[in-house]
Amino acid sequence: MLTWLTSSIGKLVAKWTAFVAIAVAVYWKIYTDGQAAERAKQVAEKMDAAREREKINDAVSKMPADRVRDELRQWVRNDG
């Protein structure tokens, strides 16, 4: 086995195997970094949405009931 690895074909195979292994490792690192970045982006979007929802809930809770009713009427169709 050692003799085969020291031959010219063995060296070529070993070199290409190392090259492929490094390429796979680099690809895997890029892939996992992309997944982590996407997860972080989604968490940030969820936090922004929750913040906006709380702001809207606070604004609605401070409004008088008749004004809330008037606002909601704009969102409902009056077909009849």
Protein backbone atom coordinates (compact mmCIF):
# COMPACT_ATOMS: atom_id res chain seq x y z
CA MET A 1 0.00 0.00 0.00
CA LEU A 2 2.78 2.40 0.90
CA THR A 3 4.53 1.57 -2.35
CA TRP A 4 1.39 2.33 -4.35
CA LEU A 5 0.96 5.73 -2.58
CA THR A 6 4.54 6.68 -3.41
CA SER A 7 4.15 5.84 -7.09
CA SER A 8 3.19 8.56 -9.58
CA ILE A 9 -0.40 7.29 -9.91
CA GLY A 10 -0.74 6.97 -6.15
CA LYS A 11 0.48 10.52 -5.67
CA LEU A 12 -2.00 11.77 -8.28
CA VAL A 13 -4.88 9.92 -6.63
CA ALA A 14 -3.84 11.17 -3.19
CA LYS A 15 -3.58 14.75 -4.46
CA TRP A 16 -7.03 14.66 -6.09
CA THR A 17 -8.57 12.98 -3.05
CA ALA A 18 -7.18 15.74 -0.83
CA PHE A 19 -8.44 18.38 -3.28
CA VAL A 20 -11.95 16.88 -3.31
CA ALA A 21 -11.96 16.58 0.49
CA ILE A 22 -11.00 20.24 0.87
CA ALA A 23 -13.62 21.31 -1.68
CA VAL A 24 -16.32 19.34 0.17
CA ALA A 25 -15.25 20.86 3.50
CA VAL A 26 -15.38 24.40 2.08
CA TYR A 27 -18.79 23.75 0.51
CA TRP A 28 -20.13 22.34 3.79
CA LYS A 29 -18.86 25.37 5.72
CA ILE A 30 -20.51 27.77 3.27
CA TYR A 31 -23.74 25.75 3.42
CA THR A 32 -23.92 25.75 7.23
CA ASP A 33 -23.03 29.46 7.42
CA GLY A 34 -25.86 30.19 4.98
CA GLN A 35 -28.30 28.21 7.08
CA ALA A 36 -27.26 30.08 10.23
CA ALA A 37 -27.59 33.44 8.49
CA GLU A 38 -31.07 32.58 7.23
CA ARG A 39 -32.15 31.43 10.70
CA ALA A 40 -30.87 34.70 12.20
CA LYS A 41 -32.72 36.68 9.55
CA GLN A 42 -35.98 34.85 10.28
CA VAL A 43 -35.61 35.40 14.03
CA ALA A 44 -35.02 39.12 13.45
CA GLU A 45 -38.11 39.32 11.22
CA LYS A 46 -40.22 37.55 13.85
CA MET A 47 -38.99 39.94 16.54
CA ASP A 48 -39.81 42.95 14.33
CA ALA A 49 -43.28 41.55 13.65
CA ALA A 50 -43.90 40.97 17.37
CA ARG A 51 -42.73 44.51 18.15
CA GLU A 52 -45.06 45.95 15.48
CA ARG A 53 -47.96 43.81 16.74
CA GLU A 54 -47.47 45.08 20.29
CA LYS A 55 -47.31 48.68 19.06
CA ILE A 56 -50.60 48.22 17.17
CA ASN A 57 -52.25 46.49 20.14
CA ASP A 58 -51.22 49.36 22.42
CA ALA A 59 -52.58 51.94 19.97
CA VAL A 60 -55.90 50.10 19.64
CA SER A 61 -56.29 49.63 23.38
CA LYS A 62 -55.89 53.40 23.89
CA MET A 63 -58.60 54.21 21.32
CA PRO A 64 -62.23 54.73 22.40
CA ALA A 65 -64.60 51.87 21.57
CA ASP A 66 -66.66 53.82 19.02
CA ARG A 67 -63.51 54.82 17.10
CA VAL A 68 -62.40 51.17 17.04
CA ARG A 69 -65.79 50.20 15.65
CA ASP A 70 -65.52 52.88 12.96
CA GLU A 71 -62.03 51.67 12.02
CA LEU A 72 -63.20 48.07 11.81
CA ARG A 73 -66.16 49.03 9.62
CA GLN A 74 -63.71 50.15 6.95
CA TRP A 75 -62.39 46.59 6.73
CA VAL A 76 -65.80 44.89 6.38
CA ARG A 77 -67.83 44.87 3.18
CA ASN A 78 -71.41 45.99 3.33
CA ASP A 79 -73.06 43.86 0.65
CA GLY A 80 -76.64 44.27 1.79
